[in-house]
Amino acid sequence: MKKLILFVLAAAMTLALAACGGQSPAAPAPAPSQTTPTQTTPAEPSPAPATTPAEPSPAPAAPDTPAPAADGTIALTMSQIALQVGETAVPMPYTLPTLADAGVPVDPYYLTLEVGSGEFFSLNIYLDENEDYVIVPDYYNGGDAAVSMSEAEAEEITISSFASAPEDQGVSLLGVGFGMAKSAVLELLGQPMWEDDTYFEWTVTVSDAPYEGSFTVYFTSDAADAVVSQADLSVIEQ
């Protein structure tokens, strides 16, 4: 009996050892990953937006000059009956305030004067200190009472030079200015109605108002290469 019990215990121990030997050892815990931090490249700055070069300012418009004369007559519009001062056109009736606004050096004293009823008044407005260049508006008061010079109106205006060799002063009538050659005047305005060696004269009509008159240009001499010394534009309401 004892032998049987010992045999059973020995068999049980053998089975227990076999069961223990069949278990796999526990897998070691994974080592913490040694990840290298990713190096980031700084973002390149965005390129500045392309700028479009500014377009150049357009050149000032040329003065509104008339077409060349037909049979000695220049056909004008009211906008062309103007004294051009630099880039500014001073329209007829050439008031002193509009001349001053265009840059003509109007003496403030002139504005204190009056034009009596039925009177003509010509002003000499000098462009330079030597008084070699002058603008002469001819004012007329057809009303019943005197008016101030700032209110007076002129339908005739003259530009004139006392210089022996006039030069451009930035003022013109119908595109004609000081120092302009005879040939250039003829090319611009066409053949005049009347002429001699020292002057040209055209008749003037106005298409958009009841005015007519004349335009006369004087030269420094009778030579072929003479230049403009005076121009006179006169239009009268009909």
Protein backbone atom coordinates (compact mmCIF):
# COMPACT_ATOMS: atom_id res chain seq x y z
CA MET A 1 0.00 0.00 0.00
CA LYS A 2 2.77 2.41 0.85
CA LYS A 3 4.45 1.57 -2.41
CA LEU A 4 1.30 2.46 -4.30
CA ILE A 5 1.03 5.82 -2.57
CA LEU A 6 4.70 6.61 -3.24
CA PHE A 7 4.22 5.66 -6.89
CA VAL A 8 1.23 7.97 -7.19
CA LEU A 9 3.11 10.89 -5.57
CA ALA A 10 6.11 10.32 -7.85
CA ALA A 11 3.88 10.38 -10.92
CA ALA A 12 2.14 13.56 -9.77
CA MET A 13 5.48 15.31 -9.23
CA THR A 14 6.66 14.23 -12.69
CA LEU A 15 3.54 15.66 -14.28
CA ALA A 16 3.94 18.95 -12.35
CA LEU A 17 7.56 19.34 -13.48
CA ALA A 18 6.57 18.66 -17.07
CA ALA A 19 3.87 21.30 -16.89
CA CYS A 20 6.31 23.89 -15.51
CA GLY A 21 8.90 23.16 -18.17
CA GLY A 22 6.41 23.82 -20.99
CA GLN A 23 5.80 27.52 -20.11
CA SER A 24 7.73 30.08 -22.25
CA PRO A 25 9.66 32.70 -20.35
CA ALA A 26 7.98 36.13 -20.26
CA ALA A 27 9.10 38.40 -23.09
CA PRO A 28 11.17 41.32 -21.89
CA ALA A 29 9.41 44.67 -21.85
CA PRO A 30 10.25 46.71 -24.96
CA ALA A 31 12.90 49.30 -24.42
CA PRO A 32 11.70 52.86 -24.72
CA SER A 33 12.10 54.06 -28.26
CA GLN A 34 15.08 56.31 -28.79
CA THR A 35 13.44 58.56 -31.39
CA THR A 36 15.49 61.46 -32.55
CA PRO A 37 13.52 64.72 -32.58
CA THR A 38 12.77 65.74 -36.13
CA GLN A 39 14.70 68.85 -37.10
CA THR A 40 12.40 71.33 -38.85
CA THR A 41 13.75 73.72 -41.43
CA PRO A 42 12.50 77.29 -40.86
CA ALA A 43 9.99 78.26 -43.53
CA GLU A 44 11.39 80.60 -46.13
CA PRO A 45 9.74 84.03 -46.06
CA SER A 46 7.12 84.51 -48.75
CA PRO A 47 8.37 86.67 -51.59
CA ALA A 48 7.05 90.23 -51.56
CA PRO A 49 4.24 90.72 -54.06
CA ALA A 50 5.47 92.08 -57.33
CA THR A 51 4.74 95.74 -57.72
CA THR A 52 3.61 97.12 -61.02
CA PRO A 53 5.65 100.18 -62.01
CA ALA A 54 3.58 103.34 -61.90
CA GLU A 55 2.58 104.52 -65.34
CA PRO A 56 4.07 107.88 -66.27
CA SER A 57 1.72 110.83 -66.14
CA PRO A 58 0.35 111.72 -69.55
CA ALA A 59 1.92 114.68 -71.21
CA PRO A 60 -0.13 117.87 -71.00
CA ALA A 61 -2.61 118.19 -73.82
CA ALA A 62 -1.58 120.49 -76.60
CA PRO A 63 -3.46 123.81 -76.87
CA ASP A 64 -6.66 123.61 -78.91
CA THR A 65 -5.35 125.19 -82.11
CA PRO A 66 -7.61 125.76 -85.13
CA ALA A 67 -7.38 124.15 -88.53
CA PRO A 68 -5.42 126.11 -91.16
CA ALA A 69 -7.30 128.95 -92.84
CA ALA A 70 -9.41 128.50 -95.95
CA ASP A 71 -9.26 131.49 -98.31
CA GLY A 72 -7.68 133.61 -95.58
CA THR A 73 -10.40 132.86 -92.98
CA ILE A 74 -9.82 130.94 -89.74
CA ALA A 75 -12.88 129.08 -88.45
CA LEU A 76 -12.90 128.97 -84.63
CA THR A 77 -15.02 127.68 -81.80
CA MET A 78 -15.52 129.67 -78.61
CA SER A 79 -13.12 127.36 -76.75
CA GLN A 80 -10.34 128.29 -79.21
CA ILE A 81 -10.77 132.01 -78.62
CA ALA A 82 -8.43 131.93 -75.66
CA LEU A 83 -5.09 133.16 -74.37
CA GLN A 84 -2.94 130.13 -73.61
CA VAL A 85 -0.82 130.63 -70.47
CA GLY A 86 1.32 127.57 -69.88
CA GLU A 87 -1.16 124.70 -69.65
CA THR A 88 -4.13 126.97 -68.89
CA ALA A 89 -6.48 128.44 -71.47
CA VAL A 90 -7.96 131.80 -70.45
CA PRO A 91 -11.22 132.19 -72.40
CA MET A 92 -12.59 135.36 -73.87
CA PRO A 93 -13.69 137.81 -72.30
CA TYR A 94 -10.27 137.65 -70.50
CA THR A 95 -11.28 139.03 -67.10
CA LEU A 96 -8.51 140.04 -64.72
CA PRO A 97 -9.38 137.35 -62.13
CA THR A 98 -9.12 134.58 -64.73
CA LEU A 99 -5.81 135.97 -66.01
CA ALA A 100 -4.46 136.10 -62.45
CA ASP A 101 -5.64 132.54 -61.74
CA ALA A 102 -3.72 131.35 -64.81
CA GLY A 103 -0.48 132.83 -63.44
CA VAL A 104 -0.36 136.16 -65.25
CA PRO A 105 1.24 138.70 -62.82
CA VAL A 106 -1.73 141.04 -62.43
CA ASP A 107 -0.90 144.06 -60.26
CA PRO A 108 -3.44 144.14 -57.37
CA TYR A 109 -3.75 147.88 -57.97
CA TYR A 110 -5.52 147.17 -61.27
CA LEU A 111 -8.36 145.51 -59.41
CA THR A 112 -9.12 148.79 -57.63
CA LEU A 113 -9.75 150.63 -60.90
CA GLU A 114 -13.10 151.22 -62.59
CA VAL A 115 -14.29 151.39 -66.19
CA GLY A 116 -16.87 154.07 -66.75
CA SER A 117 -20.03 153.64 -68.81
CA GLY A 118 -19.22 153.60 -72.53
CA GLU A 119 -15.45 153.66 -71.90
CA PHE A 120 -12.54 151.59 -73.22
CA PHE A 121 -9.66 150.70 -70.90
CA SER A 122 -6.45 148.96 -72.06
CA LEU A 123 -4.19 147.45 -69.41
CA ASN A 124 -0.49 146.74 -69.82
CA ILE A 125 0.28 143.58 -67.83
CA TYR A 126 4.03 142.99 -67.99
CA LEU A 127 5.35 139.46 -67.82
CA ASP A 128 8.93 140.33 -66.82
CA GLU A 129 10.82 142.85 -64.70
CA ASN A 130 12.44 144.46 -67.74
CA GLU A 131 8.98 145.05 -69.25
CA ASP A 132 10.03 143.46 -72.53
CA TYR A 133 6.89 141.30 -72.74
CA VAL A 134 3.35 142.48 -72.16
CA ILE A 135 -0.23 141.25 -72.34
CA VAL A 136 -2.81 143.93 -73.22
CA PRO A 137 -6.51 143.12 -72.73
CA ASP A 138 -8.81 145.88 -74.05
CA TYR A 139 -11.79 146.30 -71.74
CA TYR A 140 -15.03 147.97 -72.70
CA ASN A 141 -18.01 148.85 -70.55
CA GLY A 142 -21.20 149.03 -72.58
CA GLY A 143 -23.42 149.35 -69.51
CA ASP A 144 -25.08 152.38 -67.97
CA ALA A 145 -22.92 152.42 -64.82
CA ALA A 146 -19.24 152.11 -63.98
CA VAL A 147 -17.91 148.63 -63.22
CA SER A 148 -14.85 147.50 -61.30
CA MET A 149 -11.89 146.29 -63.31
CA SER A 150 -12.39 142.79 -61.87
CA GLU A 151 -15.84 142.73 -63.54
CA ALA A 152 -14.82 144.33 -66.84
CA GLU A 153 -14.75 142.16 -69.97
CA ALA A 154 -12.46 142.25 -73.01
CA GLU A 155 -13.18 140.93 -76.50
CA GLU A 156 -9.72 141.88 -77.77
CA ILE A 157 -6.33 140.89 -76.40
CA THR A 158 -2.77 141.49 -77.57
CA ILE A 159 0.58 139.96 -76.68
CA SER A 160 3.54 142.18 -77.57
CA SER A 161 7.31 142.28 -77.12
CA PHE A 162 9.80 145.15 -77.15
CA ALA A 163 12.78 142.77 -77.22
CA SER A 164 14.99 142.86 -80.31
CA ALA A 165 14.97 139.05 -80.44
CA PRO A 166 11.76 137.87 -78.73
CA GLU A 167 11.78 134.47 -77.07
CA ASP A 168 8.97 132.15 -76.06
CA GLN A 169 7.33 133.20 -72.78
CA GLY A 170 4.79 130.40 -72.48
CA VAL A 171 1.89 132.53 -73.73
CA SER A 172 0.19 132.25 -77.11
CA LEU A 173 -2.89 133.07 -79.17
CA LEU A 174 -4.20 130.43 -81.60
CA GLY A 175 -0.89 128.62 -81.08
CA VAL A 176 1.24 131.66 -82.02
CA GLY A 177 3.76 132.84 -79.42
CA PHE A 178 6.78 135.09 -79.10
CA GLY A 179 9.81 134.08 -81.17
CA MET A 180 7.87 131.86 -83.59
CA ALA A 181 9.25 131.90 -87.14
CA LYS A 182 7.23 133.20 -90.12
CA SER A 183 7.35 129.82 -91.81
CA ALA A 184 6.03 128.10 -88.68
CA VAL A 185 3.12 130.56 -88.46
CA LEU A 186 2.17 129.90 -92.09
CA GLU A 187 2.39 126.15 -91.56
CA LEU A 188 0.17 126.38 -88.48
CA LEU A 189 -2.52 128.79 -89.71
CA GLY A 190 -2.32 128.74 -93.50
CA GLN A 191 -2.23 131.64 -95.92
CA PRO A 192 -3.55 134.95 -94.52
CA MET A 193 -6.17 137.20 -96.06
CA TRP A 194 -3.73 140.14 -96.11
CA GLU A 195 0.02 140.33 -95.70
CA ASP A 196 3.15 142.33 -96.27
CA ASP A 197 6.74 141.71 -95.22
CA THR A 198 6.12 142.48 -91.54
CA TYR A 199 2.62 141.16 -90.76
CA PHE A 200 -0.06 138.57 -91.60
CA GLU A 201 -3.78 139.06 -91.02
CA TRP A 202 -6.65 136.56 -91.17
CA THR A 203 -10.37 137.06 -90.83
CA VAL A 204 -12.01 135.03 -88.06
CA THR A 205 -15.43 133.38 -87.90
CA VAL A 206 -16.94 131.53 -84.93
CA SER A 207 -19.05 128.44 -85.55
CA ASP A 208 -20.83 128.13 -82.20
CA ALA A 209 -21.55 131.79 -81.31
CA PRO A 210 -22.45 135.01 -83.18
CA TYR A 211 -18.91 136.45 -83.23
CA GLU A 212 -16.47 137.43 -85.96
CA GLY A 213 -13.25 139.38 -86.10
CA SER A 214 -9.58 139.19 -87.05
CA PHE A 215 -6.23 137.78 -86.04
CA THR A 216 -3.05 139.73 -86.83
CA VAL A 217 0.57 138.67 -86.33
CA TYR A 218 3.54 141.08 -86.52
CA PHE A 219 7.18 140.14 -87.07
CA THR A 220 10.47 141.67 -86.00
CA SER A 221 11.45 142.59 -89.57
CA ASP A 222 10.74 141.93 -93.22
CA ALA A 223 13.42 139.22 -93.36
CA ALA A 224 12.48 135.65 -94.18
CA ASP A 225 13.84 134.49 -90.81
CA ALA A 226 12.01 137.16 -88.76
CA VAL A 227 10.08 135.99 -85.70
CA VAL A 228 6.82 136.94 -84.00
CA SER A 229 6.92 140.10 -81.90
CA GLN A 230 3.16 140.69 -81.52
CA ALA A 231 -0.16 138.94 -82.00
CA ASP A 232 -3.63 140.48 -81.72
CA LEU A 233 -6.93 138.59 -81.51
CA SER A 234 -10.15 140.56 -81.75
CA VAL A 235 -13.68 139.13 -81.95
CA ILE A 236 -16.88 141.17 -81.65
CA GLU A 237 -20.40 139.94 -81.02
CA GLN A 238 -22.63 140.53 -84.05
